[in-house]
């Protein structure tokens, strides 16, 4: 009996040790993130920039930073982001950004819960479209019908205001929902001169407007207003 208990205790201790071994974090501080693109001193004739780097074994996250024009004389910190394990237990090692023309520097380091590598760094120049539009339209401000309007007429006339931003052409999309959680989309359409008219059946509706431009920029959503058709 004593021998059997001793064997059981040995198995338990061995199990505990193996679990600790599994949970022990690997020291990655002497490893290096290899940057694939854009490489140092690259001139890119496009405003769409693809960033790629090699994965580091035992890393569970990567910190990505992008500065204009560099990290020594920084005028703008364009991006500072951490990529972590996703639901598939993978970590992204690539990113695409649209950047204005200029000089940039980017760097990446790998991390796990206890250790991190040094930053790997690279500089590049963006020499794409001179008149690139990266400025989103202003947020629309709803005017009519006022929030909570109750009316018998099935035809509803909508209007909103928004100051146009210089650049590419802008347009407004209007969205209609039948629930306050905005889960049941009833319809959507394009406004004309910041107005829109449509006919609705009896019920309560929720609406908002979002502005877009032809360069692909998008405004913040407007406030959400409601109205009731009797």
C-alpha atoms as a PDB file:
ATOM      1  CA  UNK A   1       0.000   0.000   0.000  1.00  0.00           C
ATOM      2  CA  UNK A   2       2.792   2.393   0.923  1.00  0.00           C
ATOM      3  CA  UNK A   3       4.589   1.598  -2.318  1.00  0.00           C
ATOM      4  CA  UNK A   4       1.413   2.300  -4.292  1.00  0.00           C
ATOM      5  CA  UNK A   5       0.956   5.705  -2.550  1.00  0.00           C
ATOM      6  CA  UNK A   6       4.595   6.596  -3.250  1.00  0.00           C
ATOM      7  CA  UNK A   7       4.131   5.842  -6.953  1.00  0.00           C
ATOM      8  CA  UNK A   8       0.939   7.932  -7.067  1.00  0.00           C
ATOM      9  CA  UNK A   9       2.699  10.870  -5.371  1.00  0.00           C
ATOM     10  CA  UNK A  10       5.556  10.592  -7.859  1.00  0.00           C
ATOM     11  CA  UNK A  11       3.102  10.768 -10.772  1.00  0.00           C
ATOM     12  CA  UNK A  12       1.351  13.821  -9.265  1.00  0.00           C
ATOM     13  CA  UNK A  13       4.649  15.635  -8.711  1.00  0.00           C
ATOM     14  CA  UNK A  14       5.773  14.820 -12.244  1.00  0.00           C
ATOM     15  CA  UNK A  15       2.469  16.175 -13.589  1.00  0.00           C
ATOM     16  CA  UNK A  16       2.902  19.415 -11.658  1.00  0.00           C
ATOM     17  CA  UNK A  17       6.430  19.868 -12.944  1.00  0.00           C
ATOM     18  CA  UNK A  18       5.409  19.237 -16.535  1.00  0.00           C
ATOM     19  CA  UNK A  19       2.588  21.814 -16.247  1.00  0.00           C
ATOM     20  CA  UNK A  20       5.050  24.382 -14.930  1.00  0.00           C
ATOM     21  CA  UNK A  21       7.358  23.602 -17.837  1.00  0.00           C
ATOM     22  CA  UNK A  22       4.505  24.181 -20.272  1.00  0.00           C
ATOM     23  CA  UNK A  23       3.567  27.507 -18.663  1.00  0.00           C
ATOM     24  CA  UNK A  24       7.140  28.790 -18.518  1.00  0.00           C
ATOM     25  CA  UNK A  25       7.603  31.655 -21.007  1.00  0.00           C
ATOM     26  CA  UNK A  26      10.465  31.431 -23.491  1.00  0.00           C
ATOM     27  CA  UNK A  27      13.021  34.256 -23.408  1.00  0.00           C
ATOM     28  CA  UNK A  28      12.913  35.899 -26.860  1.00  0.00           C
ATOM     29  CA  UNK A  29      14.932  38.997 -25.941  1.00  0.00           C
ATOM     30  CA  UNK A  30      17.930  37.896 -28.033  1.00  0.00           C
ATOM     31  CA  UNK A  31      15.876  37.269 -31.179  1.00  0.00           C
ATOM     32  CA  UNK A  32      15.184  39.671 -34.043  1.00  0.00           C
ATOM     33  CA  UNK A  33      12.158  40.656 -36.092  1.00  0.00           C
ATOM     34  CA  UNK A  34      13.098  40.526 -39.782  1.00  0.00           C
ATOM     35  CA  UNK A  35      11.410  43.279 -41.800  1.00  0.00           C
ATOM     36  CA  UNK A  36      10.446  42.229 -45.332  1.00  0.00           C
ATOM     37  CA  UNK A  37       8.833  45.382 -46.738  1.00  0.00           C
ATOM     38  CA  UNK A  38       9.152  48.230 -47.124  1.00  0.00           C
ATOM     39  CA  UNK A  39      12.930  47.769 -46.905  1.00  0.00           C
ATOM     40  CA  UNK A  40      15.276  50.511 -45.726  1.00  0.00           C
ATOM     41  CA  UNK A  41      15.699  53.453 -48.156  1.00  0.00           C
ATOM     42  CA  UNK A  42      12.893  52.200 -50.435  1.00  0.00           C
ATOM     43  CA  UNK A  43      11.015  54.746 -52.578  1.00  0.00           C
ATOM     44  CA  UNK A  44       7.413  53.628 -53.148  1.00  0.00           C
ATOM     45  CA  UNK A  45       5.464  55.107 -56.071  1.00  0.00           C
ATOM     46  CA  UNK A  46       2.101  54.353 -54.493  1.00  0.00           C
ATOM     47  CA  UNK A  47       0.186  55.634 -51.495  1.00  0.00           C
ATOM     48  CA  UNK A  48      -1.004  52.125 -50.572  1.00  0.00           C
ATOM     49  CA  UNK A  49       1.807  50.683 -48.458  1.00  0.00           C
ATOM     50  CA  UNK A  50       2.061  47.010 -47.506  1.00  0.00           C
ATOM     51  CA  UNK A  51       4.043  46.317 -44.339  1.00  0.00           C
ATOM     52  CA  UNK A  52       5.350  42.774 -43.843  1.00  0.00           C
ATOM     53  CA  UNK A  53       7.636  41.201 -41.269  1.00  0.00           C
ATOM     54  CA  UNK A  54       8.723  37.693 -40.311  1.00  0.00           C
ATOM     55  CA  UNK A  55       7.198  35.963 -37.308  1.00  0.00           C
ATOM     56  CA  UNK A  56       9.339  35.286 -34.241  1.00  0.00           C
ATOM     57  CA  UNK A  57       8.988  31.870 -32.632  1.00  0.00           C
ATOM     58  CA  UNK A  58       7.350  31.975 -29.165  1.00  0.00           C
ATOM     59  CA  UNK A  59       6.119  35.553 -29.674  1.00  0.00           C
ATOM     60  CA  UNK A  60       2.476  36.199 -28.792  1.00  0.00           C
ATOM     61  CA  UNK A  61       2.281  39.820 -29.969  1.00  0.00           C
ATOM     62  CA  UNK A  62       4.006  42.457 -32.091  1.00  0.00           C
ATOM     63  CA  UNK A  63       4.215  46.193 -31.484  1.00  0.00           C
ATOM     64  CA  UNK A  64       4.108  48.225 -34.715  1.00  0.00           C
ATOM     65  CA  UNK A  65       5.038  51.905 -34.808  1.00  0.00           C
ATOM     66  CA  UNK A  66       5.131  54.360 -37.718  1.00  0.00           C
ATOM     67  CA  UNK A  67       6.543  57.887 -37.531  1.00  0.00           C
ATOM     68  CA  UNK A  68       6.797  60.897 -39.854  1.00  0.00           C
ATOM     69  CA  UNK A  69       9.582  61.558 -40.860  1.00  0.00           C
ATOM     70  CA  UNK A  70      11.478  59.373 -38.313  1.00  0.00           C
ATOM     71  CA  UNK A  71      11.667  58.434 -34.632  1.00  0.00           C
ATOM     72  CA  UNK A  72      14.488  60.891 -33.900  1.00  0.00           C
ATOM     73  CA  UNK A  73      12.799  64.043 -35.175  1.00  0.00           C
ATOM     74  CA  UNK A  74       9.184  62.941 -35.008  1.00  0.00           C
ATOM     75  CA  UNK A  75       6.628  65.350 -36.450  1.00  0.00           C
ATOM     76  CA  UNK A  76       3.779  62.865 -36.243  1.00  0.00           C
ATOM     77  CA  UNK A  77       3.289  59.444 -34.663  1.00  0.00           C
ATOM     78  CA  UNK A  78       1.154  58.002 -37.438  1.00  0.00           C
ATOM     79  CA  UNK A  79       0.428  54.668 -35.761  1.00  0.00           C
ATOM     80  CA  UNK A  80       1.284  52.816 -32.565  1.00  0.00           C
ATOM     81  CA  UNK A  81      -0.503  49.467 -32.461  1.00  0.00           C
ATOM     82  CA  UNK A  82      -0.141  46.022 -30.878  1.00  0.00           C
ATOM     83  CA  UNK A  83      -1.067  42.890 -32.839  1.00  0.00           C
ATOM     84  CA  UNK A  84      -2.084  40.030 -30.530  1.00  0.00           C
ATOM     85  CA  UNK A  85      -3.124  36.393 -30.818  1.00  0.00           C
ATOM     86  CA  UNK A  86      -6.459  35.988 -32.590  1.00  0.00           C
ATOM     87  CA  UNK A  87      -9.120  33.313 -32.128  1.00  0.00           C
ATOM     88  CA  UNK A  88      -7.090  30.963 -34.352  1.00  0.00           C
ATOM     89  CA  UNK A  89      -4.053  31.378 -32.081  1.00  0.00           C
ATOM     90  CA  UNK A  90      -2.215  33.352 -34.769  1.00  0.00           C
ATOM     91  CA  UNK A  91      -0.631  36.810 -34.768  1.00  0.00           C
ATOM     92  CA  UNK A  92      -0.755  39.074 -37.815  1.00  0.00           C
ATOM     93  CA  UNK A  93       2.586  39.945 -39.391  1.00  0.00           C
ATOM     94  CA  UNK A  94       1.332  42.300 -42.078  1.00  0.00           C
ATOM     95  CA  UNK A  95      -0.581  45.551 -42.407  1.00  0.00           C
ATOM     96  CA  UNK A  96      -1.736  47.840 -45.223  1.00  0.00           C
ATOM     97  CA  UNK A  97      -1.984  51.611 -44.822  1.00  0.00           C
ATOM     98  CA  UNK A  98      -2.695  54.489 -47.191  1.00  0.00           C
ATOM     99  CA  UNK A  99      -0.176  57.258 -46.558  1.00  0.00           C
ATOM    100  CA  UNK A 100       0.410  60.761 -47.881  1.00  0.00           C
ATOM    101  CA  UNK A 101       3.638  61.475 -49.699  1.00  0.00           C
ATOM    102  CA  UNK A 102       6.645  61.962 -47.446  1.00  0.00           C
ATOM    103  CA  UNK A 103       9.452  60.323 -45.489  1.00  0.00           C
ATOM    104  CA  UNK A 104       8.567  57.659 -42.938  1.00  0.00           C
ATOM    105  CA  UNK A 105      10.220  55.279 -40.504  1.00  0.00           C
ATOM    106  CA  UNK A 106       8.648  52.102 -39.135  1.00  0.00           C
ATOM    107  CA  UNK A 107       9.666  49.591 -36.530  1.00  0.00           C
ATOM    108  CA  UNK A 108       8.417  46.343 -35.039  1.00  0.00           C
ATOM    109  CA  UNK A 109       9.295  44.326 -31.951  1.00  0.00           C
ATOM    110  CA  UNK A 110       8.027  40.919 -30.805  1.00  0.00           C
ATOM    111  CA  UNK A 111       6.623  40.291 -27.331  1.00  0.00           C
ATOM    112  CA  UNK A 112       5.320  37.599 -25.038  1.00  0.00           C
ATOM    113  CA  UNK A 113       4.105  37.957 -21.465  1.00  0.00           C
ATOM    114  CA  UNK A 114       7.600  38.285 -19.957  1.00  0.00           C
ATOM    115  CA  UNK A 115      10.055  39.176 -22.725  1.00  0.00           C
ATOM    116  CA  UNK A 116      10.433  41.334 -25.818  1.00  0.00           C
ATOM    117  CA  UNK A 117      12.898  41.708 -28.670  1.00  0.00           C
ATOM    118  CA  UNK A 118      14.625  44.956 -29.641  1.00  0.00           C
ATOM    119  CA  UNK A 119      12.925  47.031 -32.334  1.00  0.00           C
ATOM    120  CA  UNK A 120      13.795  46.328 -35.973  1.00  0.00           C
ATOM    121  CA  UNK A 121      13.627  49.585 -37.911  1.00  0.00           C
ATOM    122  CA  UNK A 122      13.412  50.688 -41.546  1.00  0.00           C
ATOM    123  CA  UNK A 123      12.936  54.008 -43.386  1.00  0.00           C
ATOM    124  CA  UNK A 124      11.135  54.606 -46.677  1.00  0.00           C
ATOM    125  CA  UNK A 125       9.737  57.349 -48.900  1.00  0.00           C
ATOM    126  CA  UNK A 126       6.186  57.548 -50.269  1.00  0.00           C
ATOM    127  CA  UNK A 127       6.104  59.234 -53.689  1.00  0.00           C
ATOM    128  CA  UNK A 128       2.587  58.494 -54.909  1.00  0.00           C
ATOM    129  CA  UNK A 129      -0.287  60.740 -55.940  1.00  0.00           C
ATOM    130  CA  UNK A 130       0.352  64.427 -55.221  1.00  0.00           C
ATOM    131  CA  UNK A 131      -3.307  65.281 -54.600  1.00  0.00           C
ATOM    132  CA  UNK A 132      -4.184  62.263 -52.467  1.00  0.00           C
ATOM    133  CA  UNK A 133      -7.315  62.853 -50.367  1.00  0.00           C
ATOM    134  CA  UNK A 134      -7.074  61.300 -46.897  1.00  0.00           C
ATOM    135  CA  UNK A 135      -9.377  63.774 -45.108  1.00  0.00           C
ATOM    136  CA  UNK A 136     -12.812  62.309 -44.219  1.00  0.00           C
ATOM    137  CA  UNK A 137     -16.012  64.314 -44.695  1.00  0.00           C
ATOM    138  CA  UNK A 138     -17.460  66.170 -41.739  1.00  0.00           C
ATOM    139  CA  UNK A 139     -20.032  64.475 -39.540  1.00  0.00           C
ATOM    140  CA  UNK A 140     -23.615  65.101 -40.745  1.00  0.00           C
ATOM    141  CA  UNK A 141     -25.947  66.979 -38.384  1.00  0.00           C
ATOM    142  CA  UNK A 142     -29.595  65.868 -38.566  1.00  0.00           C
ATOM    143  CA  UNK A 143     -32.232  68.590 -38.962  1.00  0.00           C
ATOM    144  CA  UNK A 144     -35.619  67.076 -39.862  1.00  0.00           C
ATOM    145  CA  UNK A 145     -37.718  65.341 -38.886  1.00  0.00           C
ATOM    146  CA  UNK A 146     -36.769  66.249 -35.331  1.00  0.00           C
ATOM    147  CA  UNK A 147     -36.062  63.377 -32.978  1.00  0.00           C
ATOM    148  CA  UNK A 148     -39.256  61.673 -31.751  1.00  0.00           C
ATOM    149  CA  UNK A 149     -41.534  63.143 -34.428  1.00  0.00           C
ATOM    150  CA  UNK A 150     -44.996  61.564 -34.598  1.00  0.00           C
ATOM    151  CA  UNK A 151     -46.960  62.059 -37.839  1.00  0.00           C
ATOM    152  CA  UNK A 152     -49.913  60.706 -39.802  1.00  0.00           C
ATOM    153  CA  UNK A 153     -48.472  61.415 -43.241  1.00  0.00           C
ATOM    154  CA  UNK A 154     -46.634  58.373 -44.613  1.00  0.00           C
ATOM    155  CA  UNK A 155     -44.242  60.540 -46.637  1.00  0.00           C
ATOM    156  CA  UNK A 156     -41.282  61.756 -44.600  1.00  0.00           C
ATOM    157  CA  UNK A 157     -38.952  64.557 -45.731  1.00  0.00           C
ATOM    158  CA  UNK A 158     -35.441  64.291 -44.295  1.00  0.00           C
ATOM    159  CA  UNK A 159     -32.756  66.958 -44.181  1.00  0.00           C
ATOM    160  CA  UNK A 160     -29.354  67.447 -42.557  1.00  0.00           C
ATOM    161  CA  UNK A 161     -26.394  69.784 -42.712  1.00  0.00           C
ATOM    162  CA  UNK A 162     -22.707  69.138 -43.304  1.00  0.00           C
ATOM    163  CA  UNK A 163     -19.944  71.494 -44.426  1.00  0.00           C
ATOM    164  CA  UNK A 164     -18.100  70.001 -47.390  1.00  0.00           C
ATOM    165  CA  UNK A 165     -14.361  69.374 -47.080  1.00  0.00           C
ATOM    166  CA  UNK A 166     -12.107  70.450 -49.979  1.00  0.00           C
ATOM    167  CA  UNK A 167     -11.005  67.426 -51.982  1.00  0.00           C
ATOM    168  CA  UNK A 168     -12.853  64.673 -53.810  1.00  0.00           C
ATOM    169  CA  UNK A 169     -16.634  64.675 -54.292  1.00  0.00           C
ATOM    170  CA  UNK A 170     -18.720  63.780 -51.236  1.00  0.00           C
ATOM    171  CA  UNK A 171     -22.067  62.018 -50.899  1.00  0.00           C
ATOM    172  CA  UNK A 172     -24.430  61.108 -48.055  1.00  0.00           C
ATOM    173  CA  UNK A 173     -25.962  57.715 -47.293  1.00  0.00           C
ATOM    174  CA  UNK A 174     -29.110  57.568 -45.166  1.00  0.00           C
ATOM    175  CA  UNK A 175     -30.017  54.417 -43.198  1.00  0.00           C
ATOM    176  CA  UNK A 176     -33.361  53.313 -41.702  1.00  0.00           C
ATOM    177  CA  UNK A 177     -33.901  50.709 -38.969  1.00  0.00           C
ATOM    178  CA  UNK A 178     -36.964  49.403 -37.176  1.00  0.00           C
ATOM    179  CA  UNK A 179     -35.203  48.939 -33.808  1.00  0.00           C
ATOM    180  CA  UNK A 180     -33.182  51.176 -31.503  1.00  0.00           C
ATOM    181  CA  UNK A 181     -30.314  48.666 -31.476  1.00  0.00           C
ATOM    182  CA  UNK A 182     -29.927  49.185 -35.259  1.00  0.00           C
ATOM    183  CA  UNK A 183     -30.041  45.479 -36.010  1.00  0.00           C
ATOM    184  CA  UNK A 184     -32.992  45.347 -38.438  1.00  0.00           C
ATOM    185  CA  UNK A 185     -32.146  47.421 -41.517  1.00  0.00           C
ATOM    186  CA  UNK A 186     -35.315  48.579 -43.282  1.00  0.00           C
ATOM    187  CA  UNK A 187     -33.548  50.399 -46.096  1.00  0.00           C
ATOM    188  CA  UNK A 188     -30.745  52.730 -47.160  1.00  0.00           C
ATOM    189  CA  UNK A 189     -30.330  55.233 -49.956  1.00  0.00           C
ATOM    190  CA  UNK A 190     -28.303  58.210 -51.175  1.00  0.00           C
ATOM    191  CA  UNK A 191     -29.318  61.726 -50.262  1.00  0.00           C
ATOM    192  CA  UNK A 192     -29.390  64.575 -52.770  1.00  0.00           C
ATOM    193  CA  UNK A 193     -28.217  68.019 -51.631  1.00  0.00           C
ATOM    194  CA  UNK A 194     -28.466  66.786 -48.040  1.00  0.00           C
ATOM    195  CA  UNK A 195     -32.143  65.878 -48.364  1.00  0.00           C
ATOM    196  CA  UNK A 196     -34.184  62.728 -48.928  1.00  0.00           C
ATOM    197  CA  UNK A 197     -37.877  61.768 -49.087  1.00  0.00           C
ATOM    198  CA  UNK A 198     -39.536  58.383 -48.726  1.00  0.00           C
ATOM    199  CA  UNK A 199     -42.848  56.750 -47.815  1.00  0.00           C
ATOM    200  CA  UNK A 200     -43.152  54.496 -44.744  1.00  0.00           C
ATOM    201  CA  UNK A 201     -45.787  52.144 -43.349  1.00  0.00           C
ATOM    202  CA  UNK A 202     -47.074  52.582 -39.807  1.00  0.00           C
ATOM    203  CA  UNK A 203     -44.465  51.972 -37.109  1.00  0.00           C
ATOM    204  CA  UNK A 204     -41.433  53.419 -35.373  1.00  0.00           C
ATOM    205  CA  UNK A 205     -38.181  54.026 -37.277  1.00  0.00           C
ATOM    206  CA  UNK A 206     -34.636  55.042 -36.454  1.00  0.00           C
ATOM    207  CA  UNK A 207     -32.386  56.846 -38.927  1.00  0.00           C
ATOM    208  CA  UNK A 208     -28.918  58.315 -39.314  1.00  0.00           C
ATOM    209  CA  UNK A 209     -26.643  59.639 -42.070  1.00  0.00           C
ATOM    210  CA  UNK A 210     -23.018  58.885 -42.954  1.00  0.00           C
ATOM    211  CA  UNK A 211     -20.942  60.832 -45.477  1.00  0.00           C
ATOM    212  CA  UNK A 212     -18.423  59.324 -47.924  1.00  0.00           C
ATOM    213  CA  UNK A 213     -16.104  60.704 -50.574  1.00  0.00           C
ATOM    214  CA  UNK A 214     -14.871  59.182 -53.816  1.00  0.00           C
ATOM    215  CA  UNK A 215     -11.400  58.655 -52.310  1.00  0.00           C
ATOM    216  CA  UNK A 216     -12.922  56.135 -49.902  1.00  0.00           C
ATOM    217  CA  UNK A 217     -12.939  58.273 -46.756  1.00  0.00           C
ATOM    218  CA  UNK A 218     -15.925  57.981 -44.404  1.00  0.00           C
ATOM    219  CA  UNK A 219     -17.302  60.389 -41.812  1.00  0.00           C
ATOM    220  CA  UNK A 220     -18.506  59.561 -38.334  1.00  0.00           C
ATOM    221  CA  UNK A 221     -22.132  58.472 -38.220  1.00  0.00           C
ATOM    222  CA  UNK A 222     -24.557  61.225 -37.336  1.00  0.00           C
ATOM    223  CA  UNK A 223     -26.711  61.024 -34.252  1.00  0.00           C
ATOM    224  CA  UNK A 224     -29.604  58.563 -34.444  1.00  0.00           C
ATOM    225  CA  UNK A 225     -33.093  60.143 -34.610  1.00  0.00           C
ATOM    226  CA  UNK A 226     -36.437  58.357 -34.431  1.00  0.00           C
ATOM    227  CA  UNK A 227     -39.880  59.062 -35.888  1.00  0.00           C
ATOM    228  CA  UNK A 228     -43.291  57.372 -35.721  1.00  0.00           C
ATOM    229  CA  UNK A 229     -45.792  56.885 -38.533  1.00  0.00           C
ATOM    230  CA  UNK A 230     -49.328  56.459 -37.146  1.00  0.00           C
END
